[in-house]
Protein backbone atom coordinates (compact mmCIF):
# COMPACT_ATOMS: atom_id res chain seq x y z
CA MET A 1 1.11 23.59 36.73
CA THR A 2 2.05 21.33 33.82
CA VAL A 3 0.10 21.11 30.55
CA LYS A 4 -1.14 17.68 31.57
CA GLU A 5 -2.31 18.85 34.99
CA GLU A 6 -4.13 21.79 33.43
CA PHE A 7 -5.83 19.44 30.96
CA PHE A 8 -6.96 17.15 33.80
CA ARG A 9 -8.27 20.13 35.79
CA LYS A 10 -10.37 21.44 32.88
CA LEU A 11 -11.70 17.99 32.08
CA ARG A 12 -12.70 17.44 35.71
CA ARG A 13 -14.89 20.58 35.57
CA LEU A 14 -17.14 19.04 32.91
CA ASN A 15 -20.48 17.81 34.24
CA GLN A 16 -20.01 14.21 33.15
CA TYR A 17 -16.72 13.95 35.11
CA LYS A 18 -17.40 16.04 38.23
CA ASN A 19 -18.67 13.19 40.39
CA MET A 20 -16.76 10.36 38.76
CA PRO A 21 -14.51 8.44 41.18
CA LEU A 22 -10.81 9.20 40.67
CA GLU A 23 -9.97 5.56 39.89
CA GLU A 24 -12.39 5.81 36.95
CA PHE A 25 -11.63 9.40 35.98
CA ASN A 26 -7.83 9.10 35.76
CA PRO A 27 -7.74 6.40 33.04
CA VAL A 28 -10.31 8.35 31.00
CA ALA A 29 -8.31 11.57 31.41
CA GLU A 30 -5.07 9.82 30.51
CA ARG A 31 -6.61 8.46 27.29
CA LYS A 32 -8.13 11.82 26.33
CA PHE A 33 -4.88 13.66 27.04
CA ALA A 34 -2.92 11.19 24.89
CA GLU A 35 -5.45 11.62 22.09
CA GLN A 36 -5.21 15.42 22.34
CA GLU A 37 -1.42 15.22 22.18
CA LEU A 38 -1.76 12.99 19.13
CA LYS A 39 -4.12 15.45 17.45
CA ASN A 40 -1.60 18.21 18.07
CA SER A 41 0.94 16.13 16.13
CA PHE A 42 -1.24 16.46 13.03
CA ILE A 43 -1.56 20.24 13.18
CA GLY A 44 -2.22 21.77 9.77
CA PHE A 45 -4.65 19.06 8.70
CA LYS A 46 -8.40 19.54 8.37
CA ALA A 47 -10.75 18.06 10.96
CA ASP A 48 -11.68 15.08 8.77
CA GLU A 49 -8.00 14.49 7.95
CA ILE A 50 -7.15 14.45 11.67
CA GLU A 51 -9.87 11.88 12.31
CA ARG A 52 -8.52 9.81 9.42
CA ALA A 53 -4.98 10.14 10.84
CA LEU A 54 -6.14 8.95 14.27
CA SER A 55 -7.91 5.98 12.68
CA ILE A 56 -4.77 4.95 10.77
CA TYR A 57 -2.56 5.48 13.84
CA TYR A 58 -4.70 3.26 16.09
CA LYS A 59 -4.97 0.65 13.33
CA TYR A 60 -1.18 0.39 13.12
CA MET A 61 -0.90 0.32 16.91
CA ASP A 62 -3.32 -2.62 17.02
CA GLU A 63 -1.47 -4.49 14.28
CA GLY A 64 2.09 -3.85 15.43
CA SER A 65 4.00 -4.09 18.68
CA LEU A 66 5.15 -0.49 18.98
CA GLU A 67 6.01 0.38 22.55
CA SER A 68 8.93 2.82 22.70
CA LEU A 69 8.53 6.59 22.34
CA ALA A 70 10.85 6.50 19.31
CA GLU A 71 8.61 3.95 17.57
CA LYS A 72 5.47 5.92 18.34
CA SER A 73 7.12 9.11 17.10
CA SER A 74 8.13 7.34 13.87
CA LEU A 75 4.57 6.04 13.52
CA ILE A 76 3.20 9.59 13.81
CA SER A 77 5.58 10.66 11.02
CA LEU A 78 4.41 7.72 8.90
CA VAL A 79 0.73 8.59 9.38
CA TYR A 80 1.47 12.26 8.64
CA MET A 81 3.07 11.24 5.32
CA GLU A 82 0.14 8.96 4.46
CA ILE A 83 -2.43 11.73 5.01
CA LEU A 84 -0.26 14.13 3.03
CA LYS A 85 -0.05 11.60 0.21
CA GLU A 86 -3.85 11.18 0.21
CA ARG A 87 -4.28 14.96 0.00
CA MET A 88 -1.86 15.17 -2.93
CA GLN A 89 -3.60 12.30 -4.73
CA GLN A 90 -6.96 14.04 -4.28
CA PHE A 91 -5.45 17.20 -5.75
CA ILE A 92 -4.10 15.27 -8.74
CA ALA A 93 -7.49 13.60 -9.28
CA LYS A 94 -9.23 16.99 -9.20
CA GLU A 95 -6.73 18.47 -11.65
CA ASP A 96 -7.22 15.45 -13.90
CA ALA A 97 -11.00 15.93 -13.86
CA ASP A 98 -10.94 19.72 -14.23
CA LYS A 99 -8.27 19.90 -16.93
CA ASN A 100 -9.14 16.85 -19.04
CA GLY A 101 -6.27 14.60 -18.00
CA ALA A 102 -3.63 17.29 -17.48
CA ILE A 103 -1.91 15.73 -14.45
CA PRO A 104 0.69 18.02 -12.78
CA LEU A 105 3.90 16.01 -13.26
CA ASN A 106 5.78 17.67 -10.39
CA MET A 107 3.01 16.64 -8.00
CA ALA A 108 2.97 13.09 -9.37
CA GLU A 109 6.74 12.85 -8.82
CA LYS A 110 6.32 14.03 -5.22
CA VAL A 111 3.65 11.38 -4.61
CA ILE A 112 5.97 8.66 -5.93
CA GLU A 113 8.83 9.95 -3.78
CA LEU A 114 6.57 10.17 -0.73
CA ASP A 115 5.26 6.65 -1.32
CA SER A 116 8.83 5.35 -1.35
CA GLN A 117 9.49 7.06 2.01
CA ILE A 118 6.28 5.58 3.41
CA MET A 119 7.29 2.05 2.41
CA GLU A 120 10.74 2.51 3.96
CA GLN A 121 9.19 3.75 7.22
CA LYS A 122 6.74 0.85 7.30
CA GLU A 123 9.58 -1.60 6.79
CA LYS A 124 11.56 -0.05 9.66
CA LEU A 125 8.55 -0.31 11.96
CA GLY A 126 7.78 -3.89 10.88
CA LEU A 127 4.38 -2.96 9.46
CA LEU A 128 4.76 -4.80 6.16
CA LYS A 129 3.98 -8.19 7.65
CA ASP A 130 0.23 -7.74 7.32
CA ARG A 131 -1.23 -9.10 4.08
CA ASP A 132 -2.99 -5.84 3.22
CA ASN A 133 0.35 -4.06 3.42
CA ALA A 134 2.36 -6.62 1.46
CA SER A 135 5.21 -5.04 -0.45
CA PHE A 136 5.92 -5.56 -4.11
CA LEU A 137 8.75 -7.96 -3.27
CA THR A 138 6.41 -10.12 -1.21
CA THR A 139 3.89 -10.17 -4.05
CA TRP A 140 6.64 -11.06 -6.52
CA GLU A 141 7.79 -13.94 -4.31
CA ASP A 142 4.20 -15.21 -4.20
CA LEU A 143 4.08 -15.21 -8.02
CA LYS A 144 7.36 -17.15 -8.18
CA LYS A 145 5.98 -19.72 -5.74
CA LYS A 146 2.89 -20.15 -7.93
CA ALA A 147 5.08 -20.65 -11.00
CA LEU A 148 7.25 -23.25 -9.24
CA LYS A 149 4.15 -25.00 -7.91
CA TYR A 150 2.71 -25.20 -11.43
CA TYR A 151 5.98 -26.61 -12.73
CA SER A 152 6.14 -29.25 -10.00
CA GLU A 153 2.53 -30.29 -10.67
CA HIS A 154 2.81 -30.39 -14.47
CA ALA A 155 6.43 -31.41 -15.02
CA GLY A 156 5.46 -34.98 -15.85
CA GLU A 157 2.95 -34.06 -18.55
CA THR A 158 5.58 -34.14 -21.33
CA TYR A 159 6.72 -37.67 -20.45
CA VAL A 160 5.06 -40.69 -22.06
CA ARG A 161 5.72 -44.42 -22.03
CA CYS A 162 6.80 -46.17 -25.21
CA PRO A 163 4.21 -48.82 -26.22
CA GLU A 164 7.01 -51.06 -27.59
CA CYS A 165 9.66 -51.06 -24.85
CA ASN A 166 7.61 -49.54 -22.04
CA LYS A 167 10.37 -47.01 -21.30
CA LEU A 168 9.70 -43.36 -20.50
CA PHE A 169 10.70 -40.64 -22.95
CA ARG A 170 10.02 -36.92 -23.13
CA LEU A 171 8.05 -35.11 -25.84
CA LEU A 172 9.80 -31.95 -27.06
CA MET A 173 8.06 -29.29 -29.12
CA ASN A 174 9.62 -28.54 -32.49
CA VAL A 175 10.17 -24.77 -32.51
CA ASP A 176 11.85 -24.51 -35.92
CA ASN A 177 8.75 -23.13 -37.67
CA LEU A 178 7.49 -20.99 -34.86
CA GLU A 179 7.58 -17.20 -35.10
CA THR A 180 8.52 -14.91 -32.21
CA ALA A 181 5.99 -12.43 -30.86
CA LYS A 182 6.06 -9.76 -28.19
CA ALA A 183 4.66 -10.69 -24.78
CA PRO A 184 2.09 -7.94 -24.14
CA PHE A 185 1.72 -8.83 -20.49
CA PHE A 186 5.39 -8.59 -19.60
CA LYS A 187 7.99 -5.84 -19.40
CA GLY A 188 11.23 -7.76 -19.20
CA THR A 189 10.39 -10.26 -16.50
CA THR A 190 7.80 -8.02 -14.82
CA LEU A 191 4.07 -8.70 -15.20
CA TYR A 192 2.94 -5.52 -16.96
CA ASN A 193 0.70 -4.12 -19.71
CA THR A 194 0.86 -0.49 -20.82
CA LYS A 195 -2.60 -0.34 -22.45
CA LEU A 196 -4.35 -1.69 -19.37
CA LEU A 197 -2.48 0.74 -17.12
CA LYS A 198 -3.54 3.58 -19.40
CA LEU A 199 -7.18 2.46 -19.01
CA TYR A 200 -6.60 2.40 -15.24
CA GLU A 201 -5.15 5.92 -15.38
CA GLU A 202 -8.19 7.09 -17.34
CA LYS A 203 -10.40 5.46 -14.66
CA ARG A 204 -11.97 3.14 -17.23
CA LEU A 205 -10.78 0.20 -15.14
CA SER A 206 -10.92 0.10 -11.33
CA LEU A 207 -8.14 -1.10 -9.06
CA ASP A 208 -10.15 -4.23 -8.23
CA GLU A 209 -10.67 -4.98 -11.94
CA MET A 210 -6.95 -4.51 -12.68
CA ALA A 211 -5.97 -6.86 -9.86
CA GLU A 212 -8.46 -9.47 -11.14
CA ILE A 213 -7.21 -9.20 -14.75
CA PHE A 214 -3.56 -9.55 -13.73
CA GLY A 215 -4.35 -12.15 -11.08
CA VAL A 216 -2.35 -10.29 -8.42
CA HIS A 217 -2.78 -8.32 -5.20
CA LYS A 218 -3.99 -4.70 -5.55
CA LYS A 219 -0.68 -3.52 -4.05
CA TYR A 220 1.12 -4.94 -7.09
CA ILE A 221 -1.01 -2.82 -9.45
CA ILE A 222 -0.33 0.30 -7.37
CA PHE A 223 3.41 -0.45 -7.39
CA ILE A 224 3.79 -0.91 -11.16
CA TYR A 225 1.51 2.08 -11.84
CA GLU A 226 3.38 4.48 -9.56
CA ASN A 227 6.93 3.18 -10.01
CA ILE A 228 6.99 2.13 -13.69
CA TYR A 229 4.04 3.52 -15.65
CA LEU A 230 4.03 7.07 -14.21
CA LYS A 231 7.82 7.33 -14.47
CA GLU A 232 7.67 6.33 -18.13
CA GLN A 233 4.94 8.91 -18.76
CA ASN A 234 6.99 11.58 -17.05
CA LYS A 235 10.06 10.77 -19.14
CA GLY A 236 8.03 10.97 -22.33
CA ALA A 237 6.46 14.30 -21.37
């Protein structure tokens, strides 16, 4: 007797399924067997983590078009990494609270590395199309579009018509007497601010507040925090 047949036999013994017609019982048994197999894929996790893993798995299945066994197997690996990442982040948060900001750098590096693997796996499975899962590059492209839109809408504001000849000419700002100053909200060409990210790290600003201040998607804040800010902190440690 196969594992599946044994599972069906035990399920059929339960009172709520004993008298159920086979055409109704079989689909229920198939679904429960698939769910049990899925739970077995997340062995080593706590009960609440397994429930969380199942929730994420079904969410991705609803959003994507994953049909092949290879895709479903890759999705299980992706969900496994996401739960593992959440566990590591909870550990870091606890260490931060218990040891007055003493974040274990080796654990932080592993989270960053794991996050990179997660993004790669999502891209392979085509799961970055959803807005809530927009990658940094998508967010960056959105910012560029906004900048170009602003330029197209305001490009004519520096042109005026001469009252004498009625011809158009452009007003140029004289920059000879202007002094240069650092741009606190940029790192190179990247929208960034170290002091605000430090406040975010210290939990004095929430993710929602950071996104509102920068005027970007929350995924952008997570990206610059994990891939720029934390790396800089680790180098300086």
